N, C-alpha and C. Protein backbone atom coordinates (compact mmCIF):
# COMPACT_ATOMS: atom_id res chain seq x y z
N UNK A 1 4.52 11.59 -11.03
CA UNK A 1 3.48 10.89 -11.74
C UNK A 1 3.23 9.68 -10.96
N UNK A 2 2.53 8.71 -10.70
CA UNK A 2 2.64 7.84 -9.94
C UNK A 2 2.82 6.32 -10.58
N UNK A 3 3.38 5.33 -10.51
CA UNK A 3 4.01 4.48 -11.05
C UNK A 3 3.91 2.93 -10.87
N UNK A 4 3.91 3.53 -9.63
CA UNK A 4 4.27 1.92 -8.97
C UNK A 4 3.67 2.06 -7.36
N UNK A 5 3.00 1.07 -6.65
CA UNK A 5 2.49 0.60 -5.57
C UNK A 5 3.37 -0.83 -4.98
N UNK A 6 3.31 -0.18 -3.65
CA UNK A 6 4.44 -1.50 -3.28
C UNK A 6 3.86 -1.52 -1.70
N UNK A 7 3.66 -2.92 -1.48
CA UNK A 7 3.29 -3.10 -0.27
C UNK A 7 4.31 -4.15 0.73
N UNK A 8 3.83 -4.95 1.67
CA UNK A 8 4.37 -6.16 2.06
C UNK A 8 3.73 -7.17 1.70
N UNK A 9 2.92 -7.39 1.58
CA UNK A 9 1.77 -8.64 1.49
C UNK A 9 1.05 -9.35 2.05
N UNK A 10 1.17 -8.84 3.31
CA UNK A 10 0.10 -9.24 4.09
C UNK A 10 -1.22 -9.17 3.64
N UNK A 11 -1.87 -10.27 4.30
CA UNK A 11 -3.37 -10.46 4.10
C UNK A 11 -4.36 -9.14 4.60
N UNK A 12 -4.87 -8.16 4.83
CA UNK A 12 -5.81 -7.26 4.59
C UNK A 12 -5.65 -5.92 4.06
N UNK A 13 -4.85 -4.65 4.49
CA UNK A 13 -4.59 -3.39 3.46
C UNK A 13 -3.75 -3.79 2.79
N UNK A 14 -2.58 -4.32 2.94
CA UNK A 14 -1.36 -4.70 1.92
C UNK A 14 -1.83 -5.37 0.54
N UNK A 15 -2.47 -7.05 1.07
CA UNK A 15 -3.26 -7.46 -0.18
C UNK A 15 -4.23 -6.91 -1.06
N UNK A 16 -5.07 -5.96 -0.63
CA UNK A 16 -6.12 -5.12 -0.74
C UNK A 16 -5.36 -3.99 -1.85
N UNK A 17 -4.40 -3.66 -1.08
CA UNK A 17 -3.09 -2.98 -2.30
C UNK A 17 -2.72 -3.35 -3.41
N UNK A 18 -2.37 -4.88 -3.50
CA UNK A 18 -1.57 -5.54 -4.60
C UNK A 18 -2.94 -5.82 -5.51
N UNK A 19 -4.12 -6.34 -4.66
CA UNK A 19 -5.55 -6.65 -5.46
C UNK A 19 -5.89 -5.42 -6.32
N UNK A 20 -6.11 -4.75 -6.11
CA UNK A 20 -6.41 -3.12 -6.49
C UNK A 20 -5.60 -2.81 -8.08
N UNK A 21 -4.26 -2.71 -7.00
CA UNK A 21 -2.96 -2.22 -8.75
C UNK A 21 -3.64 -3.81 -9.44
N UNK A 22 -3.37 -4.84 -9.29
CA UNK A 22 -3.67 -5.87 -10.52
C UNK A 22 -5.21 -6.13 -10.79
N UNK A 23 -5.68 -5.70 -10.29
CA UNK A 23 -7.15 -5.95 -10.99
C UNK A 23 -7.70 -4.37 -11.59
N UNK A 24 -7.08 -2.96 -11.52
CA UNK A 24 -7.73 -1.84 -11.64
C UNK A 24 -6.88 -1.01 -12.43
N UNK A 25 -5.82 -1.28 -12.80
CA UNK A 25 -4.74 -0.58 -12.82
C UNK A 25 -3.65 -1.17 -14.15
N UNK A 26 -2.45 0.03 -15.23
CA UNK A 26 -1.80 -0.54 -15.12
C UNK A 26 -0.43 -0.57 -14.25
N UNK A 27 -0.43 -0.41 -13.52
CA UNK A 27 0.81 0.50 -12.84
C UNK A 27 1.47 -0.77 -12.63
N UNK A 28 2.36 -0.31 -12.66
CA UNK A 28 3.56 -1.95 -11.96
C UNK A 28 3.15 -1.98 -10.23
N UNK A 29 3.73 -2.60 -9.85
CA UNK A 29 3.34 -2.99 -8.29
C UNK A 29 4.38 -4.25 -8.05
N UNK A 30 4.57 -4.27 -6.56
CA UNK A 30 5.68 -4.86 -5.84
C UNK A 30 6.11 -5.20 -4.07
N UNK A 31 7.07 -4.92 -3.94
CA UNK A 31 7.48 -4.74 -2.80
C UNK A 31 8.41 -5.66 -2.18
N UNK A 32 8.12 -5.27 -0.98
CA UNK A 32 9.04 -7.27 -0.40
C UNK A 32 8.22 -7.38 0.71
N UNK A 33 8.29 -8.64 1.02
CA UNK A 33 7.71 -9.71 1.93
C UNK A 33 8.75 -10.26 3.10
N UNK A 34 8.95 -10.27 4.11
CA UNK A 34 9.59 -11.37 4.82
C UNK A 34 9.81 -12.56 4.41
N UNK A 35 11.05 -13.33 4.31
CA UNK A 35 11.65 -14.38 3.62
C UNK A 35 10.84 -15.61 3.94
N UNK A 36 10.58 -16.51 3.06
CA UNK A 36 10.12 -17.35 2.61
C UNK A 36 8.17 -17.01 2.96
N UNK A 37 8.13 -15.94 2.72
CA UNK A 37 6.98 -15.66 2.02
C UNK A 37 6.02 -15.89 3.33
N UNK A 38 6.53 -15.63 5.00
CA UNK A 38 6.02 -15.69 6.13
C UNK A 38 4.67 -14.90 6.34
N UNK A 39 3.96 -15.25 6.04
CA UNK A 39 2.13 -14.52 6.26
C UNK A 39 1.52 -15.11 7.48
N UNK A 40 0.57 -14.21 8.03
CA UNK A 40 -0.04 -14.73 9.23
C UNK A 40 -1.21 -15.49 8.64
N UNK A 41 -1.93 -15.52 7.32
CA UNK A 41 -2.17 -16.73 7.17
C UNK A 41 -2.58 -17.46 6.06
N UNK A 42 -2.98 -18.22 5.58
CA UNK A 42 -2.01 -19.16 4.20
C UNK A 42 -1.79 -20.60 4.82
N UNK A 43 -1.83 -20.41 5.90
CA UNK A 43 -1.04 -21.83 6.47
C UNK A 43 0.19 -21.06 6.75
N UNK A 44 0.70 -19.82 6.51
CA UNK A 44 2.03 -19.25 6.70
C UNK A 44 2.47 -18.46 5.67
N UNK A 45 2.36 -19.01 4.52
CA UNK A 45 2.62 -18.32 3.55
C UNK A 45 1.86 -17.32 2.65
N UNK A 46 2.58 -16.47 2.27
CA UNK A 46 1.86 -15.30 1.28
C UNK A 46 1.40 -16.33 -0.14
N UNK A 47 0.43 -16.44 -0.75
CA UNK A 47 -0.01 -16.83 -2.10
C UNK A 47 0.84 -16.22 -3.29
N UNK A 48 1.45 -17.65 -4.08
CA UNK A 48 2.25 -17.57 -5.20
C UNK A 48 1.74 -16.08 -6.31
N UNK A 49 0.64 -16.32 -6.27
CA UNK A 49 -0.18 -15.01 -7.67
C UNK A 49 0.96 -13.44 -7.26
N UNK A 50 1.27 -13.12 -5.45
CA UNK A 50 2.01 -12.23 -5.92
C UNK A 50 3.06 -11.89 -6.37
N UNK A 51 4.05 -13.31 -6.44
CA UNK A 51 5.28 -13.17 -6.58
C UNK A 51 5.53 -13.65 -8.36
N UNK A 52 4.60 -13.90 -9.06
CA UNK A 52 4.72 -14.43 -10.38
C UNK A 52 3.60 -13.08 -11.55
N UNK A 53 4.03 -12.84 -12.47
CA UNK A 53 3.37 -12.62 -12.63
C UNK A 53 3.76 -12.50 -14.56
N UNK A 54 2.72 -11.99 -15.28
CA UNK A 54 3.18 -11.77 -16.70
C UNK A 54 4.53 -10.72 -16.88
N UNK A 55 4.05 -9.63 -16.04
CA UNK A 55 5.09 -8.49 -16.59
C UNK A 55 6.29 -9.03 -15.94
N UNK A 56 7.37 -8.70 -16.22
CA UNK A 56 8.41 -8.67 -15.95
C UNK A 56 8.90 -7.76 -14.64
N UNK A 57 7.90 -6.64 -14.68
CA UNK A 57 8.67 -5.82 -13.52
C UNK A 57 7.26 -5.47 -12.32
N UNK A 58 7.05 -6.76 -12.26
CA UNK A 58 6.13 -6.82 -11.07
C UNK A 58 5.93 -7.92 -10.18
N UNK A 59 5.77 -7.67 -8.75
CA UNK A 59 5.79 -8.83 -8.20
C UNK A 59 6.40 -8.75 -6.95
N UNK A 60 6.09 -9.65 -5.95
CA UNK A 60 6.76 -9.38 -4.25
C UNK A 60 8.09 -9.90 -4.84
N UNK A 61 9.06 -9.55 -3.32
CA UNK A 61 10.82 -9.68 -3.42
C UNK A 61 10.41 -9.99 -1.92
N UNK A 62 11.34 -11.49 -1.58
CA UNK A 62 11.44 -11.96 -0.32
C UNK A 62 12.71 -11.41 -0.09
N UNK A 63 12.23 -10.64 1.19
CA UNK A 63 13.54 -10.26 2.13
C UNK A 63 14.68 -11.17 2.33
N UNK A 64 15.61 -10.64 3.21
CA UNK A 64 16.90 -11.62 3.38
C UNK A 64 16.60 -11.89 4.95
N UNK A 65 15.42 -11.60 5.77
CA UNK A 65 15.20 -12.31 6.91
C UNK A 65 13.42 -12.44 7.08
N UNK A 66 13.13 -13.21 8.08
CA UNK A 66 11.36 -13.57 8.06
C UNK A 66 10.96 -13.04 9.01
N UNK A 67 11.55 -11.76 9.77
CA UNK A 67 11.14 -10.85 10.36
C UNK A 67 10.22 -9.60 9.58
N UNK A 68 9.31 -9.22 10.35
CA UNK A 68 8.15 -8.38 9.28
C UNK A 68 9.18 -6.47 9.42
N UNK A 69 9.98 -7.06 10.60
CA UNK A 69 10.43 -5.17 10.33
C UNK A 69 11.70 -5.10 9.21
N UNK A 70 12.38 -5.44 8.46
CA UNK A 70 12.83 -5.49 6.94
C UNK A 70 12.14 -5.17 6.29
N UNK A 71 11.09 -6.11 5.63
CA UNK A 71 10.21 -6.00 5.28
C UNK A 71 9.79 -4.18 4.89
N UNK A 72 9.30 -4.08 5.80
CA UNK A 72 8.74 -2.84 6.83
C UNK A 72 9.54 -1.58 5.90
N UNK A 73 11.00 -2.12 6.41
CA UNK A 73 11.78 -0.59 6.20
C UNK A 73 11.92 -0.42 4.90
N UNK A 74 12.29 -1.89 4.19
CA UNK A 74 13.01 -1.94 2.82
C UNK A 74 11.93 -1.29 1.90
N UNK A 75 10.45 -1.31 2.10
CA UNK A 75 9.35 -0.82 1.61
C UNK A 75 9.14 0.32 1.64
N UNK A 76 9.41 1.19 2.70
CA UNK A 76 9.62 2.62 2.96
C UNK A 76 10.92 3.60 2.55
N UNK A 77 12.16 2.71 2.29
CA UNK A 77 13.15 2.68 0.99
C UNK A 77 13.13 3.18 -0.22
N UNK A 78 11.97 2.00 -0.32
CA UNK A 78 11.65 1.55 -1.64
C UNK A 78 10.50 2.95 -2.58
N UNK A 79 10.29 3.77 -1.60
CA UNK A 79 9.11 4.35 -1.88
C UNK A 79 9.29 5.91 -1.61
N UNK A 80 8.45 6.42 -2.33
CA UNK A 80 8.40 8.23 -2.40
C UNK A 80 7.54 8.56 -0.82
N UNK A 81 6.84 7.84 -0.97
CA UNK A 81 5.52 7.70 0.25
C UNK A 81 4.82 6.82 0.62
N UNK A 82 4.19 7.06 2.07
CA UNK A 82 3.47 5.62 2.28
C UNK A 82 2.43 6.56 2.45
N UNK A 83 1.20 5.23 2.52
CA UNK A 83 -0.16 5.68 2.53
C UNK A 83 -0.50 4.66 3.87
N UNK A 84 -0.72 4.85 4.97
CA UNK A 84 -0.53 4.27 6.17
C UNK A 84 -2.68 4.31 6.40
N UNK A 85 -3.10 3.22 5.90
CA UNK A 85 -4.88 2.80 6.17
C UNK A 85 -4.78 1.84 7.26
N UNK A 86 -5.82 1.98 8.42
CA UNK A 86 -5.75 2.06 9.25
C UNK A 86 -7.10 1.53 9.91
N UNK A 87 -7.48 0.94 10.90
CA UNK A 87 -8.68 0.78 11.44
C UNK A 87 -8.61 0.83 13.08
N UNK A 88 -9.12 1.74 13.72
CA UNK A 88 -8.82 1.77 15.25
C UNK A 88 -7.67 2.26 15.50
N UNK A 89 -7.10 1.56 16.91
CA UNK A 89 -6.23 1.59 17.27
C UNK A 89 -5.07 1.11 16.53
N UNK A 90 -3.91 2.33 16.83
CA UNK A 90 -2.25 1.71 15.48
C UNK A 90 -1.87 0.33 16.42
N UNK A 91 -0.98 -0.58 15.27
CA UNK A 91 -0.92 -1.69 15.30
C UNK A 91 0.00 -1.35 15.75
N UNK A 92 1.62 -2.40 16.32
CA UNK A 92 2.70 -2.48 15.98
C UNK A 92 3.31 -2.04 14.62
N UNK A 93 2.75 -3.02 14.02
CA UNK A 93 3.05 -3.12 12.21
C UNK A 93 3.10 -1.36 12.27
N UNK A 94 1.44 -0.80 12.24
CA UNK A 94 1.47 0.65 11.64
C UNK A 94 3.01 1.81 12.56
N UNK A 95 2.80 1.55 13.52
CA UNK A 95 4.01 2.84 14.52
C UNK A 95 5.07 2.08 13.81
N UNK A 96 5.31 0.73 13.50
CA UNK A 96 6.89 0.76 12.62
C UNK A 96 7.16 1.92 11.41
N UNK A 97 5.54 1.47 10.61
CA UNK A 97 5.68 2.70 9.02
C UNK A 97 5.81 4.00 9.37
N UNK A 98 5.65 4.12 10.36
CA UNK A 98 5.43 5.72 10.92
C UNK A 98 6.82 5.69 11.34
N UNK A 99 7.31 4.87 12.17
CA UNK A 99 8.46 5.17 12.90
C UNK A 99 9.69 5.16 11.63
N UNK A 100 9.51 4.20 10.61
CA UNK A 100 10.23 3.79 9.85
C UNK A 100 10.88 5.58 8.51
N UNK A 101 9.02 5.55 8.48
CA UNK A 101 8.82 7.44 7.56
C UNK A 101 9.72 7.95 7.98
N UNK A 102 9.74 8.57 9.21
CA UNK A 102 10.00 9.53 10.51
C UNK A 102 11.82 9.34 10.14
N UNK A 103 12.22 7.90 10.57
CA UNK A 103 13.55 8.02 10.36
C UNK A 103 14.59 8.30 9.33
N UNK A 104 13.73 7.61 8.48
CA UNK A 104 14.18 7.95 6.82
C UNK A 104 13.84 9.18 6.05
N UNK A 105 12.59 9.90 6.39
CA UNK A 105 12.40 11.24 6.13
C UNK A 105 11.64 11.09 4.67
N UNK A 106 11.01 10.18 4.69
CA UNK A 106 9.62 10.09 3.61
C UNK A 106 8.27 10.35 4.18
N UNK A 107 7.69 11.14 3.43
CA UNK A 107 6.40 11.63 4.05
C UNK A 107 5.31 10.01 3.65
N UNK A 108 4.68 10.68 5.03
CA UNK A 108 3.28 9.42 5.07
C UNK A 108 2.34 10.06 5.32
N UNK A 109 1.02 9.59 5.18
CA UNK A 109 -0.03 9.41 5.23
C UNK A 109 -1.10 8.85 6.23
N UNK A 110 -1.46 9.21 7.53
CA UNK A 110 -2.61 8.04 8.18
C UNK A 110 -4.06 8.30 7.97
N UNK A 111 -4.30 7.70 7.88
CA UNK A 111 -5.90 7.79 7.56
C UNK A 111 -6.37 6.51 7.90
N UNK A 112 -7.71 6.57 8.66
CA UNK A 112 -9.13 5.63 8.92
C UNK A 112 -9.21 5.23 7.72
N UNK A 113 -8.98 3.77 7.43
CA UNK A 113 -10.09 3.91 6.38
C UNK A 113 -11.70 3.63 6.35
N UNK A 114 -12.21 3.99 7.69
CA UNK A 114 -13.77 3.70 7.53
C UNK A 114 -14.43 4.90 7.26
N UNK A 115 -13.33 5.81 6.58
CA UNK A 115 -14.53 7.37 6.57
C UNK A 115 -13.71 8.03 5.05
N UNK A 116 -14.67 7.52 3.95
CA UNK A 116 -14.62 7.23 2.58
C UNK A 116 -14.42 8.78 2.05
N UNK A 117 -14.85 9.31 2.65
CA UNK A 117 -14.65 10.79 2.82
C UNK A 117 -13.04 11.60 2.51
N UNK A 118 -11.71 10.98 2.70
CA UNK A 118 -10.85 11.12 3.17
C UNK A 118 -10.40 10.93 1.57
N UNK A 119 -11.34 10.19 0.71
CA UNK A 119 -10.54 9.74 -0.25
C UNK A 119 -9.45 10.83 -1.89
N UNK A 120 -10.81 12.02 -1.94
CA UNK A 120 -10.33 13.48 -2.17
C UNK A 120 -8.87 14.09 -2.06
N UNK A 121 -8.47 13.75 -0.35
CA UNK A 121 -7.83 14.17 0.39
C UNK A 121 -6.54 13.41 -0.02
N UNK A 122 -6.24 12.16 -0.43
CA UNK A 122 -5.59 11.41 -0.58
C UNK A 122 -4.91 11.71 -1.78
N UNK A 123 -5.87 11.60 -2.88
CA UNK A 123 -5.68 11.41 -4.13
C UNK A 123 -5.31 13.39 -4.59
N UNK A 124 -5.73 14.04 -3.70
CA UNK A 124 -4.67 15.28 -3.74
C UNK A 124 -3.58 15.29 -3.24
N UNK A 125 -3.15 14.61 -2.22
CA UNK A 125 -1.56 14.21 -1.99
C UNK A 125 -0.70 13.97 -2.77
N UNK A 126 -1.22 12.41 -3.03
CA UNK A 126 -0.50 11.87 -4.26
C UNK A 126 -0.20 12.89 -5.50
N UNK A 127 -1.16 13.35 -5.86
CA UNK A 127 -0.76 13.75 -7.08
C UNK A 127 0.06 15.12 -6.80
N UNK A 128 -0.35 16.48 -5.84
CA UNK A 128 0.32 17.15 -5.50
C UNK A 128 1.54 17.34 -5.32
N UNK A 129 1.88 16.03 -5.12
CA UNK A 129 3.43 15.79 -4.41
C UNK A 129 4.20 14.79 -5.42
N UNK A 130 3.50 14.30 -6.86
CA UNK A 130 4.00 13.66 -7.54
C UNK A 130 5.13 12.53 -7.23
N UNK A 131 4.15 11.82 -6.36
CA UNK A 131 5.06 10.39 -5.90
C UNK A 131 5.17 9.55 -6.96
N UNK A 132 6.19 9.04 -6.98
CA UNK A 132 6.06 8.09 -7.97
C UNK A 132 5.84 6.07 -7.31
N UNK A 133 6.37 6.55 -6.34
CA UNK A 133 6.24 4.65 -5.68
C UNK A 133 5.89 5.01 -4.45
N UNK A 134 4.16 4.66 -4.19
CA UNK A 134 3.62 4.50 -3.19
C UNK A 134 3.62 3.57 -2.01
N UNK A 135 4.09 3.27 -0.82
CA UNK A 135 3.87 2.50 -0.22
C UNK A 135 2.68 2.16 0.28
N UNK A 136 1.86 1.51 0.37
CA UNK A 136 0.51 1.11 0.83
C UNK A 136 0.65 0.02 2.25
N UNK A 137 0.52 0.56 3.18
CA UNK A 137 0.91 -0.49 4.63
C UNK A 137 -0.72 -0.34 5.42
N UNK A 138 -0.46 -1.15 6.29
CA UNK A 138 -1.66 -0.71 7.20
C UNK A 138 -1.44 -2.29 7.83
N UNK A 139 -3.53 -2.27 8.67
CA UNK A 139 -3.75 -3.36 9.00
C UNK A 139 -3.66 -4.53 8.76
N UNK A 140 -3.31 -5.85 9.59
CA UNK A 140 -3.61 -7.19 8.98
C UNK A 140 -4.76 -7.36 9.39
N UNK A 141 -5.35 -8.29 8.06
CA UNK A 141 -6.53 -9.03 8.50
C UNK A 141 -7.05 -9.80 9.96
N UNK A 142 -5.73 -10.67 10.56
CA UNK A 142 -6.12 -11.55 11.57
C UNK A 142 -6.12 -10.22 12.69
N UNK A 143 -5.62 -8.78 12.60
CA UNK A 143 -5.38 -8.15 13.56
C UNK A 143 -7.14 -7.00 13.82
N UNK A 144 -7.53 -6.54 12.53
CA UNK A 144 -8.38 -6.15 12.48
C UNK A 144 -9.66 -6.95 10.93
N UNK A 145 -10.05 -8.32 11.88
CA UNK A 145 -11.17 -9.07 10.31
C UNK A 145 -11.87 -8.06 9.46
N UNK A 146 -12.02 -7.97 8.42
CA UNK A 146 -13.09 -7.62 7.60
C UNK A 146 -12.26 -6.47 6.58
N UNK A 147 -10.90 -6.14 7.28
CA UNK A 147 -10.03 -4.78 6.87
C UNK A 147 -9.98 -4.93 5.29
N UNK A 148 -9.89 -6.17 5.13
CA UNK A 148 -9.13 -6.20 3.48
C UNK A 148 -10.89 -5.84 2.28
N UNK A 149 -12.00 -6.16 3.03
CA UNK A 149 -13.10 -5.45 2.01
C UNK A 149 -13.50 -4.51 2.65
N UNK A 150 -12.93 -3.58 3.49
CA UNK A 150 -13.16 -2.54 4.14
C UNK A 150 -12.06 -1.72 2.97
N UNK A 151 -10.80 -1.85 2.79
CA UNK A 151 -9.64 -1.15 2.11
C UNK A 151 -9.39 -1.40 0.79
N UNK A 152 -10.12 -2.69 -0.09
CA UNK A 152 -9.91 -2.81 -1.52
C UNK A 152 -11.09 -1.49 -1.67
N UNK A 153 -11.88 -1.60 -1.78
CA UNK A 153 -12.43 -0.27 -3.02
C UNK A 153 -12.02 1.10 -2.26
N UNK A 154 -11.58 1.65 -1.43
CA UNK A 154 -11.13 2.68 -0.87
C UNK A 154 -9.99 2.81 -1.74
N UNK A 155 -9.11 1.72 -1.86
CA UNK A 155 -7.29 1.63 -2.41
C UNK A 155 -8.16 1.91 -3.79
N UNK A 156 -8.92 1.09 -4.34
CA UNK A 156 -9.14 1.16 -6.25
C UNK A 156 -9.62 2.73 -6.04
N UNK A 157 -10.38 3.07 -5.54
CA UNK A 157 -10.70 4.62 -6.03
C UNK A 157 -9.97 5.51 -6.04
N UNK A 158 -9.27 5.13 -4.84
CA UNK A 158 -7.59 6.19 -4.67
C UNK A 158 -7.07 5.94 -6.45
N UNK A 159 -6.40 4.92 -6.56
CA UNK A 159 -5.63 4.88 -7.62
C UNK A 159 -6.35 5.41 -8.76
N UNK A 160 -7.69 4.53 -9.22
CA UNK A 160 -8.70 5.35 -10.42
C UNK A 160 -8.50 6.70 -10.53
N UNK A 161 -8.95 7.59 -9.08
CA UNK A 161 -8.84 8.99 -9.82
C UNK A 161 -7.38 9.43 -9.57
N UNK A 162 -6.46 8.94 -9.08
CA UNK A 162 -4.99 9.64 -9.43
C UNK A 162 -4.61 9.53 -10.94
N UNK A 163 -5.20 8.17 -11.45
CA UNK A 163 -4.94 8.37 -13.22
C UNK A 163 -5.62 9.15 -13.53
N UNK A 164 -6.79 9.20 -13.08
CA UNK A 164 -7.61 9.89 -14.37
C UNK A 164 -7.01 11.58 -13.83
N UNK A 165 -6.55 12.18 -13.31
CA UNK A 165 -6.15 13.15 -12.50
C UNK A 165 -5.04 13.60 -13.27
N UNK A 166 -4.33 12.24 -13.27
CA UNK A 166 -2.99 12.58 -14.52
C UNK A 166 -2.99 12.21 -15.88
N UNK A 167 -4.21 11.86 -16.17
CA UNK A 167 -4.42 11.62 -17.26
C UNK A 167 -5.36 12.70 -18.00
N UNK A 168 -5.86 13.26 -17.47
CA UNK A 168 -6.70 14.50 -17.88
C UNK A 168 -7.21 15.15 -17.19
N UNK A 169 -6.32 15.29 -15.79
CA UNK A 169 -5.91 16.68 -14.94
C UNK A 169 -7.82 16.50 -14.62
N UNK A 170 -8.51 15.38 -14.03
CA UNK A 170 -9.58 16.33 -13.88
C UNK A 170 -9.70 15.47 -12.27
N UNK A 171 -9.92 16.88 -11.39
CA UNK A 171 -9.61 16.89 -10.05
C UNK A 171 -11.16 16.44 -9.07
N UNK A 172 -10.60 15.88 -8.26
CA UNK A 172 -11.94 15.38 -7.36
C UNK A 172 -12.11 16.22 -6.23
N UNK A 173 -10.94 17.28 -5.91
CA UNK A 173 -11.03 17.69 -5.07
C UNK A 173 -11.28 19.47 -5.00
N UNK A 174 -11.73 19.83 -4.47
CA UNK A 174 -12.30 21.46 -4.21
C UNK A 174 -11.09 22.36 -4.54
N UNK A 175 -10.75 22.84 -5.24
CA UNK A 175 -9.86 24.11 -5.44
C UNK A 175 -9.49 24.95 -4.53
N UNK A 176 -8.47 25.62 -4.07
CA UNK A 176 -8.50 26.50 -3.15
C UNK A 176 -8.56 27.86 -3.37
């Protein structure tokens, strides 16, 4: 049963994932971000709201390095699987996420976010495999403007449909 969503907290897909979890579910959330909260937006720092929470079991944690590679690896290690949402060609960060999943032996699903017809497939993948911690990775806003607004409703729908299946056994995919 899905219990937690993690991400690196960068503007784009990663913050869309955190915002979806915070606003639409009761799941735990967190993950690792670069040291000093390094970000490509917001004057160089990830906003405070992703670090402090009313819940003791939620929030981002700064990694020991300001380099993005370490936090990417830590998020893959902490998770049961990675959902990679991208638009267009792979970015260096997306390639790195896939590389770490392959090295560590974690499953991943690589999805083009612009196609909402993938939602049932993603939900089925999460539910069939009973992942407990899902790492959500993907494009940064700076490299793919508008990706946050595109990814957030998709991630919200995925999380709500996973919850619907896990609590009421209502599936949105066609049975075999």
